[in-house]
Amino acid sequence: MEFKPAYPEDNNNVSHNNPLREFVVLLTGVLLVCVAVFVVSGWLVDRAVLWISPKMEAQIFTALSPAVKDSVGQRSSGEDVLQQLVDGLGSCIDVGYPVKVELVTTETANALALPGGRIIVFSGILDKIQSENGLAFVLAHELAHFKHRDHLSGMGRGIVLTAMTAFLTGSDSGLTRLVTPAVSLGTASYSRSREARADSLALRALHCRYGHVGGATEFFRAMQNEERGRGIASYFASHPEAVERIQQLEVLQRSQGYTTEAVTSLPERLMQK
């Protein structure tokens, strides 16, 4: 009988699966595990920040952050006006510690709540808002973040995301650049829900302060034109679109029976920045 060499029918050293399919399955598994770990870690962070009292937070972050300008002659007249607005809103949103406001000169239209009881207002926002009521809503929104401990949760989740992606293969690796957007999508969804909740509390605070909610949507209406053309990018944004936020506020206003009345103009001292 003539011998004819041939491959064995079963060879454990040779994969019968498509390499591309194996790669996709492996990558999908890694992404799912990372998302699951981040979700659980985020849940733990949210619970952990509840144990940080406002007093403890103020002590920790006041020591770590630059001093707020509060001495005579250091603060501008505009900052004094902003501080008066925040102090006035304090009776409607009690965050548990004093909140200081700083005004930063820039074209950026935004405001930020920072750990330790600091609100940073970028002067560009004064070009978008025409009334004291509209500005009060923005400040009340930042106070709502303090009330809900969102500023600490967001910082904690950011640290978890950075540490997790760096631990996988290094911060500069290609896999990290693939994993991070997938996990960040969950972070964006979480942030959008927090923003909506802060808007809701800010609306109640505006009504508490002025007896009506005129000016609540002023800033978002001014920002509508800048958001046109975002398209699918809006799904990855940490803040809901202006149109969406206006609609949510109008629904809440109707459900609560809030009225809209004439607003108060911005103080001249504030326009001097």
C-alpha atoms as a PDB file:
ATOM      1  CA  MET A   1       0.000   0.000   0.000  1.00  0.00           C
ATOM      2  CA  GLU A   2       1.389   3.377  -0.978  1.00  0.00           C
ATOM      3  CA  PHE A   3       1.863   5.876   1.851  1.00  0.00           C
ATOM      4  CA  LYS A   4       0.178   9.267   1.326  1.00  0.00           C
ATOM      5  CA  PRO A   5       1.042  11.947   3.877  1.00  0.00           C
ATOM      6  CA  ALA A   6      -1.887  14.002   5.166  1.00  0.00           C
ATOM      7  CA  TYR A   7      -2.832  16.317   8.051  1.00  0.00           C
ATOM      8  CA  PRO A   8      -4.486  14.570  10.996  1.00  0.00           C
ATOM      9  CA  GLU A   9      -8.246  14.982  11.196  1.00  0.00           C
ATOM     10  CA  ASP A  10      -8.021  16.610  14.643  1.00  0.00           C
ATOM     11  CA  ASN A  11      -5.234  19.082  15.449  1.00  0.00           C
ATOM     12  CA  ASN A  12      -5.572  20.962  18.731  1.00  0.00           C
ATOM     13  CA  ASN A  13      -2.787  23.315  17.711  1.00  0.00           C
ATOM     14  CA  VAL A  14      -4.769  24.766  14.812  1.00  0.00           C
ATOM     15  CA  SER A  15      -7.779  27.001  15.433  1.00  0.00           C
ATOM     16  CA  HIS A  16     -10.813  26.368  13.257  1.00  0.00           C
ATOM     17  CA  ASN A  17     -12.317  29.753  14.117  1.00  0.00           C
ATOM     18  CA  ASN A  18     -11.959  32.940  12.131  1.00  0.00           C
ATOM     19  CA  PRO A  19      -9.217  35.088  13.755  1.00  0.00           C
ATOM     20  CA  LEU A  20     -11.213  38.268  13.168  1.00  0.00           C
ATOM     21  CA  ARG A  21     -14.237  36.735  14.867  1.00  0.00           C
ATOM     22  CA  GLU A  22     -12.118  35.694  17.845  1.00  0.00           C
ATOM     23  CA  PHE A  23     -10.732  39.234  18.124  1.00  0.00           C
ATOM     24  CA  VAL A  24     -14.211  40.782  18.061  1.00  0.00           C
ATOM     25  CA  VAL A  25     -15.461  38.354  20.715  1.00  0.00           C
ATOM     26  CA  LEU A  26     -12.424  39.025  22.911  1.00  0.00           C
ATOM     27  CA  LEU A  27     -12.706  42.816  22.536  1.00  0.00           C
ATOM     28  CA  THR A  28     -16.433  42.720  23.259  1.00  0.00           C
ATOM     29  CA  GLY A  29     -15.795  40.697  26.391  1.00  0.00           C
ATOM     30  CA  VAL A  30     -13.147  43.168  27.595  1.00  0.00           C
ATOM     31  CA  LEU A  31     -15.476  46.123  26.993  1.00  0.00           C
ATOM     32  CA  LEU A  32     -18.365  44.469  28.841  1.00  0.00           C
ATOM     33  CA  VAL A  33     -16.171  43.647  31.815  1.00  0.00           C
ATOM     34  CA  CYS A  34     -14.818  47.200  31.925  1.00  0.00           C
ATOM     35  CA  VAL A  35     -18.294  48.704  31.761  1.00  0.00           C
ATOM     36  CA  ALA A  36     -19.509  46.369  34.511  1.00  0.00           C
ATOM     37  CA  VAL A  37     -16.549  47.232  36.740  1.00  0.00           C
ATOM     38  CA  PHE A  38     -17.079  50.948  36.143  1.00  0.00           C
ATOM     39  CA  VAL A  39     -20.801  50.742  36.914  1.00  0.00           C
ATOM     40  CA  VAL A  40     -20.151  48.951  40.198  1.00  0.00           C
ATOM     41  CA  SER A  41     -17.312  51.337  41.082  1.00  0.00           C
ATOM     42  CA  GLY A  42     -19.517  54.320  40.272  1.00  0.00           C
ATOM     43  CA  TRP A  43     -22.233  52.968  42.547  1.00  0.00           C
ATOM     44  CA  LEU A  44     -19.688  52.594  45.346  1.00  0.00           C
ATOM     45  CA  VAL A  45     -18.426  56.152  44.750  1.00  0.00           C
ATOM     46  CA  ASP A  46     -21.965  57.530  44.990  1.00  0.00           C
ATOM     47  CA  ARG A  47     -22.434  55.775  48.316  1.00  0.00           C
ATOM     48  CA  ALA A  48     -19.019  56.826  49.601  1.00  0.00           C
ATOM     49  CA  VAL A  49     -19.574  60.563  49.036  1.00  0.00           C
ATOM     50  CA  LEU A  50     -22.619  60.402  51.305  1.00  0.00           C
ATOM     51  CA  TRP A  51     -20.242  59.719  54.177  1.00  0.00           C
ATOM     52  CA  ILE A  52     -18.310  62.927  53.466  1.00  0.00           C
ATOM     53  CA  SER A  53     -20.062  65.610  55.477  1.00  0.00           C
ATOM     54  CA  PRO A  54     -20.247  69.175  54.117  1.00  0.00           C
ATOM     55  CA  LYS A  55     -17.988  70.279  56.966  1.00  0.00           C
ATOM     56  CA  MET A  56     -15.391  67.604  56.156  1.00  0.00           C
ATOM     57  CA  GLU A  57     -15.537  68.470  52.459  1.00  0.00           C
ATOM     58  CA  ALA A  58     -14.986  72.153  53.182  1.00  0.00           C
ATOM     59  CA  GLN A  59     -11.993  71.378  55.413  1.00  0.00           C
ATOM     60  CA  ILE A  60     -10.358  69.026  52.896  1.00  0.00           C
ATOM     61  CA  PHE A  61     -10.772  71.017  49.716  1.00  0.00           C
ATOM     62  CA  THR A  62     -10.297  74.469  51.195  1.00  0.00           C
ATOM     63  CA  ALA A  63      -6.816  73.360  52.200  1.00  0.00           C
ATOM     64  CA  LEU A  64      -6.092  71.883  48.764  1.00  0.00           C
ATOM     65  CA  SER A  65      -7.485  74.649  46.545  1.00  0.00           C
ATOM     66  CA  PRO A  66      -6.302  78.230  46.065  1.00  0.00           C
ATOM     67  CA  ALA A  67      -7.772  80.781  48.451  1.00  0.00           C
ATOM     68  CA  VAL A  68     -10.961  82.504  47.383  1.00  0.00           C
ATOM     69  CA  LYS A  69     -10.700  86.237  46.945  1.00  0.00           C
ATOM     70  CA  ASP A  70     -12.602  87.501  49.957  1.00  0.00           C
ATOM     71  CA  SER A  71     -10.478  90.322  51.328  1.00  0.00           C
ATOM     72  CA  VAL A  72     -11.464  93.933  50.904  1.00  0.00           C
ATOM     73  CA  GLY A  73     -10.191  95.250  47.579  1.00  0.00           C
ATOM     74  CA  GLN A  74      -9.608  91.823  46.070  1.00  0.00           C
ATOM     75  CA  ARG A  75     -13.124  91.096  44.878  1.00  0.00           C
ATOM     76  CA  SER A  76     -14.716  92.981  42.001  1.00  0.00           C
ATOM     77  CA  SER A  77     -18.112  94.641  42.239  1.00  0.00           C
ATOM     78  CA  GLY A  78     -19.444  91.959  39.895  1.00  0.00           C
ATOM     79  CA  GLU A  79     -18.311  89.225  42.268  1.00  0.00           C
ATOM     80  CA  ASP A  80     -20.027  91.018  45.124  1.00  0.00           C
ATOM     81  CA  VAL A  81     -23.297  90.966  43.173  1.00  0.00           C
ATOM     82  CA  LEU A  82     -22.905  87.271  42.383  1.00  0.00           C
ATOM     83  CA  GLN A  83     -22.172  86.536  46.034  1.00  0.00           C
ATOM     84  CA  GLN A  84     -25.310  88.388  47.113  1.00  0.00           C
ATOM     85  CA  LEU A  85     -27.373  86.316  44.671  1.00  0.00           C
ATOM     86  CA  VAL A  86     -25.901  83.057  45.967  1.00  0.00           C
ATOM     87  CA  ASP A  87     -26.401  84.103  49.588  1.00  0.00           C
ATOM     88  CA  GLY A  88     -30.000  84.979  48.821  1.00  0.00           C
ATOM     89  CA  LEU A  89     -30.609  81.595  47.203  1.00  0.00           C
ATOM     90  CA  GLY A  90     -29.136  79.891  50.252  1.00  0.00           C
ATOM     91  CA  SER A  91     -32.457  80.124  52.064  1.00  0.00           C
ATOM     92  CA  CYS A  92     -34.023  78.081  49.245  1.00  0.00           C
ATOM     93  CA  ILE A  93     -31.167  75.571  48.804  1.00  0.00           C
ATOM     94  CA  ASP A  94     -29.255  74.835  52.000  1.00  0.00           C
ATOM     95  CA  VAL A  95     -26.041  73.045  51.031  1.00  0.00           C
ATOM     96  CA  GLY A  96     -24.649  72.861  54.574  1.00  0.00           C
ATOM     97  CA  TYR A  97     -21.706  75.264  54.287  1.00  0.00           C
ATOM     98  CA  PRO A  98     -20.887  78.743  52.931  1.00  0.00           C
ATOM     99  CA  VAL A  99     -20.461  78.974  49.159  1.00  0.00           C
ATOM    100  CA  LYS A 100     -18.065  81.494  47.629  1.00  0.00           C
ATOM    101  CA  VAL A 101     -18.315  82.800  44.067  1.00  0.00           C
ATOM    102  CA  GLU A 102     -15.485  83.845  41.763  1.00  0.00           C
ATOM    103  CA  LEU A 103     -15.853  85.597  38.402  1.00  0.00           C
ATOM    104  CA  VAL A 104     -13.320  84.636  35.728  1.00  0.00           C
ATOM    105  CA  THR A 105     -12.933  86.886  32.690  1.00  0.00           C
ATOM    106  CA  THR A 106     -13.244  84.747  29.562  1.00  0.00           C
ATOM    107  CA  GLU A 107     -15.471  84.356  26.525  1.00  0.00           C
ATOM    108  CA  THR A 108     -16.614  80.969  27.812  1.00  0.00           C
ATOM    109  CA  ALA A 109     -20.271  80.928  28.860  1.00  0.00           C
ATOM    110  CA  ASN A 110     -20.408  78.539  31.781  1.00  0.00           C
ATOM    111  CA  ALA A 111     -20.383  78.085  35.550  1.00  0.00           C
ATOM    112  CA  LEU A 112     -18.840  75.305  37.638  1.00  0.00           C
ATOM    113  CA  ALA A 113     -19.376  73.885  41.122  1.00  0.00           C
ATOM    114  CA  LEU A 114     -16.026  72.909  42.651  1.00  0.00           C
ATOM    115  CA  PRO A 115     -15.450  70.854  45.809  1.00  0.00           C
ATOM    116  CA  GLY A 116     -15.055  72.898  48.939  1.00  0.00           C
ATOM    117  CA  GLY A 117     -17.964  75.238  48.228  1.00  0.00           C
ATOM    118  CA  ARG A 118     -16.701  77.279  45.282  1.00  0.00           C
ATOM    119  CA  ILE A 119     -18.693  78.387  42.251  1.00  0.00           C
ATOM    120  CA  ILE A 120     -16.683  79.646  39.278  1.00  0.00           C
ATOM    121  CA  VAL A 121     -18.654  81.879  36.909  1.00  0.00           C
ATOM    122  CA  PHE A 122     -17.119  82.557  33.488  1.00  0.00           C
ATOM    123  CA  SER A 123     -17.899  86.097  32.389  1.00  0.00           C
ATOM    124  CA  GLY A 124     -18.990  84.977  28.899  1.00  0.00           C
ATOM    125  CA  ILE A 125     -22.245  83.827  30.473  1.00  0.00           C
ATOM    126  CA  LEU A 126     -23.170  87.474  31.072  1.00  0.00           C
ATOM    127  CA  ASP A 127     -23.421  87.908  27.296  1.00  0.00           C
ATOM    128  CA  LYS A 128     -26.050  85.150  27.175  1.00  0.00           C
ATOM    129  CA  ILE A 129     -28.176  86.188  30.139  1.00  0.00           C
ATOM    130  CA  GLN A 130     -30.168  89.412  30.242  1.00  0.00           C
ATOM    131  CA  SER A 131     -31.877  89.212  33.640  1.00  0.00           C
ATOM    132  CA  GLU A 132     -31.065  88.687  37.290  1.00  0.00           C
ATOM    133  CA  ASN A 133     -33.601  85.846  37.314  1.00  0.00           C
ATOM    134  CA  GLY A 134     -31.811  84.007  34.512  1.00  0.00           C
ATOM    135  CA  LEU A 135     -28.489  84.345  36.300  1.00  0.00           C
ATOM    136  CA  ALA A 136     -30.071  83.243  39.579  1.00  0.00           C
ATOM    137  CA  PHE A 137     -31.272  80.057  37.901  1.00  0.00           C
ATOM    138  CA  VAL A 138     -27.731  79.234  36.727  1.00  0.00           C
ATOM    139  CA  LEU A 139     -26.356  79.841  40.225  1.00  0.00           C
ATOM    140  CA  ALA A 140     -29.172  77.801  41.766  1.00  0.00           C
ATOM    141  CA  HIS A 141     -28.288  74.972  39.374  1.00  0.00           C
ATOM    142  CA  GLU A 142     -24.729  74.946  40.727  1.00  0.00           C
ATOM    143  CA  LEU A 143     -26.015  75.060  44.301  1.00  0.00           C
ATOM    144  CA  ALA A 144     -28.188  72.045  43.449  1.00  0.00           C
ATOM    145  CA  HIS A 145     -25.037  70.145  42.463  1.00  0.00           C
ATOM    146  CA  PHE A 146     -23.633  70.869  45.928  1.00  0.00           C
ATOM    147  CA  LYS A 147     -26.895  69.780  47.529  1.00  0.00           C
ATOM    148  CA  HIS A 148     -26.925  66.474  45.619  1.00  0.00           C
ATOM    149  CA  ARG A 149     -23.147  65.938  46.079  1.00  0.00           C
ATOM    150  CA  ASP A 150     -22.789  65.705  42.298  1.00  0.00           C
ATOM    151  CA  HIS A 151     -19.452  67.519  42.272  1.00  0.00           C
ATOM    152  CA  LEU A 152     -17.912  64.822  44.492  1.00  0.00           C
ATOM    153  CA  SER A 153     -19.529  61.934  42.617  1.00  0.00           C
ATOM    154  CA  GLY A 154     -18.341  63.277  39.277  1.00  0.00           C
ATOM    155  CA  MET A 155     -14.798  63.715  40.537  1.00  0.00           C
ATOM    156  CA  GLY A 156     -14.785  60.232  42.057  1.00  0.00           C
ATOM    157  CA  ARG A 157     -16.064  58.593  38.901  1.00  0.00           C
ATOM    158  CA  GLY A 158     -13.463  60.441  36.859  1.00  0.00           C
ATOM    159  CA  ILE A 159     -10.704  59.105  39.092  1.00  0.00           C
ATOM    160  CA  VAL A 160     -12.092  55.563  38.802  1.00  0.00           C
ATOM    161  CA  LEU A 161     -12.251  55.816  35.002  1.00  0.00           C
ATOM    162  CA  THR A 162      -8.691  57.125  34.734  1.00  0.00           C
ATOM    163  CA  ALA A 163      -7.296  54.514  37.118  1.00  0.00           C
ATOM    164  CA  MET A 164      -9.163  51.646  35.475  1.00  0.00           C
ATOM    165  CA  THR A 165      -8.072  52.449  31.923  1.00  0.00           C
ATOM    166  CA  ALA A 166      -4.476  53.057  32.986  1.00  0.00           C
ATOM    167  CA  PHE A 167      -4.416  49.751  34.896  1.00  0.00           C
ATOM    168  CA  LEU A 168      -5.541  47.742  31.854  1.00  0.00           C
ATOM    169  CA  THR A 169      -2.640  48.338  29.503  1.00  0.00           C
ATOM    170  CA  GLY A 170      -1.215  51.735  30.305  1.00  0.00           C
ATOM    171  CA  SER A 171      -2.558  55.213  29.706  1.00  0.00           C
ATOM    172  CA  ASP A 172      -0.931  55.501  26.263  1.00  0.00           C
ATOM    173  CA  SER A 173      -1.982  52.137  24.880  1.00  0.00           C
ATOM    174  CA  GLY A 174      -4.288  51.604  21.905  1.00  0.00           C
ATOM    175  CA  LEU A 175      -6.636  49.379  23.926  1.00  0.00           C
ATOM    176  CA  THR A 176      -7.129  52.117  26.500  1.00  0.00           C
ATOM    177  CA  ARG A 177      -8.179  54.500  23.749  1.00  0.00           C
ATOM    178  CA  LEU A 178     -10.765  51.923  22.657  1.00  0.00           C
ATOM    179  CA  VAL A 179     -12.088  51.162  26.128  1.00  0.00           C
ATOM    180  CA  THR A 180     -12.334  54.714  27.453  1.00  0.00           C
ATOM    181  CA  PRO A 181     -15.025  55.987  25.018  1.00  0.00           C
ATOM    182  CA  ALA A 182     -17.203  52.948  25.693  1.00  0.00           C
ATOM    183  CA  VAL A 183     -17.107  53.497  29.443  1.00  0.00           C
ATOM    184  CA  SER A 184     -17.411  57.274  29.039  1.00  0.00           C
ATOM    185  CA  LEU A 185     -20.738  56.762  27.282  1.00  0.00           C
ATOM    186  CA  GLY A 186     -22.133  55.434  30.543  1.00  0.00           C
ATOM    187  CA  THR A 187     -20.619  58.392  32.379  1.00  0.00           C
ATOM    188  CA  ALA A 188     -22.304  60.819  29.982  1.00  0.00           C
ATOM    189  CA  SER A 189     -25.697  59.224  30.563  1.00  0.00           C
ATOM    190  CA  TYR A 190     -25.165  59.434  34.323  1.00  0.00           C
ATOM    191  CA  SER A 191     -24.138  63.105  34.094  1.00  0.00           C
ATOM    192  CA  ARG A 192     -27.150  63.992  31.959  1.00  0.00           C
ATOM    193  CA  SER A 193     -29.517  62.588  34.581  1.00  0.00           C
ATOM    194  CA  ARG A 194     -27.711  64.572  37.278  1.00  0.00           C
ATOM    195  CA  GLU A 195     -27.989  67.764  35.224  1.00  0.00           C
ATOM    196  CA  ALA A 196     -31.729  67.231  34.812  1.00  0.00           C
ATOM    197  CA  ARG A 197     -32.127  66.738  38.558  1.00  0.00           C
ATOM    198  CA  ALA A 198     -30.143  69.912  39.272  1.00  0.00           C
ATOM    199  CA  ASP A 199     -32.348  71.846  36.821  1.00  0.00           C
ATOM    200  CA  SER A 200     -35.423  70.614  38.667  1.00  0.00           C
ATOM    201  CA  LEU A 201     -34.178  71.805  42.060  1.00  0.00           C
ATOM    202  CA  ALA A 202     -32.975  75.096  40.561  1.00  0.00           C
ATOM    203  CA  LEU A 203     -36.454  75.755  39.177  1.00  0.00           C
ATOM    204  CA  ARG A 204     -37.970  75.247  42.621  1.00  0.00           C
ATOM    205  CA  ALA A 205     -35.344  77.551  44.127  1.00  0.00           C
ATOM    206  CA  LEU A 206     -36.091  80.235  41.540  1.00  0.00           C
ATOM    207  CA  HIS A 207     -39.771  80.096  42.438  1.00  0.00           C
ATOM    208  CA  CYS A 208     -38.872  80.174  46.129  1.00  0.00           C
ATOM    209  CA  ARG A 209     -36.726  83.280  45.635  1.00  0.00           C
ATOM    210  CA  TYR A 210     -38.888  85.331  43.253  1.00  0.00           C
ATOM    211  CA  GLY A 211     -42.364  83.824  43.522  1.00  0.00           C
ATOM    212  CA  HIS A 212     -42.316  82.844  39.831  1.00  0.00           C
ATOM    213  CA  VAL A 213     -39.959  81.142  37.361  1.00  0.00           C
ATOM    214  CA  GLY A 214     -39.461  83.841  34.764  1.00  0.00           C
ATOM    215  CA  GLY A 215     -35.927  83.632  33.297  1.00  0.00           C
ATOM    216  CA  ALA A 216     -35.440  79.931  34.038  1.00  0.00           C
ATOM    217  CA  THR A 217     -34.891  79.003  30.379  1.00  0.00           C
ATOM    218  CA  GLU A 218     -33.130  82.218  29.361  1.00  0.00           C
ATOM    219  CA  PHE A 219     -29.609  80.805  29.220  1.00  0.00           C
ATOM    220  CA  PHE A 220     -30.646  77.645  27.373  1.00  0.00           C
ATOM    221  CA  ARG A 221     -32.563  79.617  24.748  1.00  0.00           C
ATOM    222  CA  ALA A 222     -29.465  81.726  24.124  1.00  0.00           C
ATOM    223  CA  MET A 223     -27.383  78.557  23.674  1.00  0.00           C
ATOM    224  CA  GLN A 224     -29.717  76.850  21.181  1.00  0.00           C
ATOM    225  CA  ASN A 225     -28.012  78.235  18.078  1.00  0.00           C
ATOM    226  CA  GLU A 226     -24.595  77.044  19.251  1.00  0.00           C
ATOM    227  CA  GLU A 227     -25.863  73.478  19.617  1.00  0.00           C
ATOM    228  CA  ARG A 228     -27.311  73.130  16.129  1.00  0.00           C
ATOM    229  CA  GLY A 229     -25.462  70.580  14.058  1.00  0.00           C
ATOM    230  CA  ARG A 230     -24.217  68.504  16.977  1.00  0.00           C
ATOM    231  CA  GLY A 231     -26.172  65.497  15.699  1.00  0.00           C
ATOM    232  CA  ILE A 232     -25.024  62.181  17.112  1.00  0.00           C
ATOM    233  CA  ALA A 233     -22.444  63.971  19.256  1.00  0.00           C
ATOM    234  CA  SER A 234     -25.282  64.946  21.597  1.00  0.00           C
ATOM    235  CA  TYR A 235     -25.562  61.328  22.715  1.00  0.00           C
ATOM    236  CA  PHE A 236     -22.027  61.518  24.054  1.00  0.00           C
ATOM    237  CA  ALA A 237     -22.483  64.885  25.779  1.00  0.00           C
ATOM    238  CA  SER A 238     -22.518  65.013  29.545  1.00  0.00           C
ATOM    239  CA  HIS A 239     -25.109  67.805  29.485  1.00  0.00           C
ATOM    240  CA  PRO A 240     -28.548  67.475  27.890  1.00  0.00           C
ATOM    241  CA  GLU A 241     -29.129  69.664  24.856  1.00  0.00           C
ATOM    242  CA  ALA A 242     -30.584  73.129  25.441  1.00  0.00           C
ATOM    243  CA  VAL A 243     -33.831  72.254  23.646  1.00  0.00           C
ATOM    244  CA  GLU A 244     -34.269  69.166  25.797  1.00  0.00           C
ATOM    245  CA  ARG A 245     -33.642  71.109  28.993  1.00  0.00           C
ATOM    246  CA  ILE A 246     -36.117  73.814  27.999  1.00  0.00           C
ATOM    247  CA  GLN A 247     -38.771  71.187  27.353  1.00  0.00           C
ATOM    248  CA  GLN A 248     -38.113  69.449  30.665  1.00  0.00           C
ATOM    249  CA  LEU A 249     -38.332  72.731  32.574  1.00  0.00           C
ATOM    250  CA  GLU A 250     -41.574  73.702  30.848  1.00  0.00           C
ATOM    251  CA  VAL A 251     -43.116  70.342  31.719  1.00  0.00           C
ATOM    252  CA  LEU A 252     -42.021  70.708  35.344  1.00  0.00           C
ATOM    253  CA  GLN A 253     -43.308  74.271  35.460  1.00  0.00           C
ATOM    254  CA  ARG A 254     -46.767  73.180  34.297  1.00  0.00           C
ATOM    255  CA  SER A 255     -46.861  70.223  36.667  1.00  0.00           C
ATOM    256  CA  GLN A 256     -46.000  72.444  39.644  1.00  0.00           C
ATOM    257  CA  GLY A 257     -48.315  75.248  38.603  1.00  0.00           C
ATOM    258  CA  TYR A 258     -45.506  77.815  38.527  1.00  0.00           C
ATOM    259  CA  THR A 259     -46.169  81.125  36.778  1.00  0.00           C
ATOM    260  CA  THR A 260     -43.876  83.216  34.577  1.00  0.00           C
ATOM    261  CA  GLU A 261     -43.772  86.924  35.329  1.00  0.00           C
ATOM    262  CA  ALA A 262     -41.614  89.930  34.474  1.00  0.00           C
ATOM    263  CA  VAL A 263     -37.925  89.542  35.266  1.00  0.00           C
ATOM    264  CA  THR A 264     -35.445  91.904  36.889  1.00  0.00           C
ATOM    265  CA  SER A 265     -32.631  93.376  34.781  1.00  0.00           C
ATOM    266  CA  LEU A 266     -29.025  92.535  35.579  1.00  0.00           C
ATOM    267  CA  PRO A 267     -27.433  94.995  38.011  1.00  0.00           C
ATOM    268  CA  GLU A 268     -25.154  97.546  36.359  1.00  0.00           C
ATOM    269  CA  ARG A 269     -22.299  96.622  38.687  1.00  0.00           C
ATOM    270  CA  LEU A 270     -22.348  93.081  37.325  1.00  0.00           C
ATOM    271  CA  MET A 271     -22.075  94.234  33.730  1.00  0.00           C
ATOM    272  CA  GLN A 272     -18.797  95.942  34.641  1.00  0.00           C
ATOM    273  CA  LYS A 273     -17.314  92.457  35.330  1.00  0.00           C
END
